[in-house]
Amino acid sequence: MRRVGVLGVAAAALALSVVAGSASAGRGSKACGKVSGVPIHAHNVSCRIAYRGQVGQSSEYMWWRRTTYRSHAASVVLGGKVYGAPSGQGWGTAHPHFIYNGGDASGSITNVHWSSWGGAVAHGRGRNPIFKPRGGYYPRPVVALLKAKDIGRCEGRDAYLRLLIREPRRPGGPLGPWRSWSGAQTICEPYGSARR
């Protein structure tokens, strides 16, 4: 009885490998059926066949789809180069570690580290010099939180069109509310254009 069970398992495994081999050869064929609901950045949809059921019962196979995705993170950039032109930095690049408007030091963020870049919202954390109430800067920059959002087209590329910042009013103080880095404009327009 045990020999029959072992032989049955071996036979089933052999049958599965033969069918799976033929499925691999026909990847992308109509055997998969119509592929629907695949995100736009999916670039490879293939078919596989898997065994379902137990040895000794009627053999049953089912198709399933495997979809792989292009890395979206590398293709999304932060706004457009036009936003910080001519002396800004970080704009129009992917997950920049330094962002600068091109004006005074308060318009810069250094040592920026991003998470979830390429997703609907990218979260960043960096260091920002802030003004003292009566002028000048505090000796050390404060920790600032960033949110890049609203992916759209900018200069022919996928880009985050909005950047939000949250920081304290003084070193060691509580974080203030989220505010738009660029005000009413997007970061795909020349800096300050919405206020002209």
Foldseek 3Di string as FASTA:
>chain_A
DVVVVVVLVVVVVVVQVVVQVVQVVQWPHCVQPDDPDDDPQWDGKTKGKDWDDDRPDDTDIDIDIDIDGDDQQQFEAAAAPQAQPPPWPRHPGGQDQKTANPDDQQRIWHRKDWPPRRDQKIKIKTWGWAADPVGDTDPGTWIKIKIFHDWDDAPRTTYRFWMWIWTDNDHPHDIDDIDTSQHPGTSRHYRPPVVD
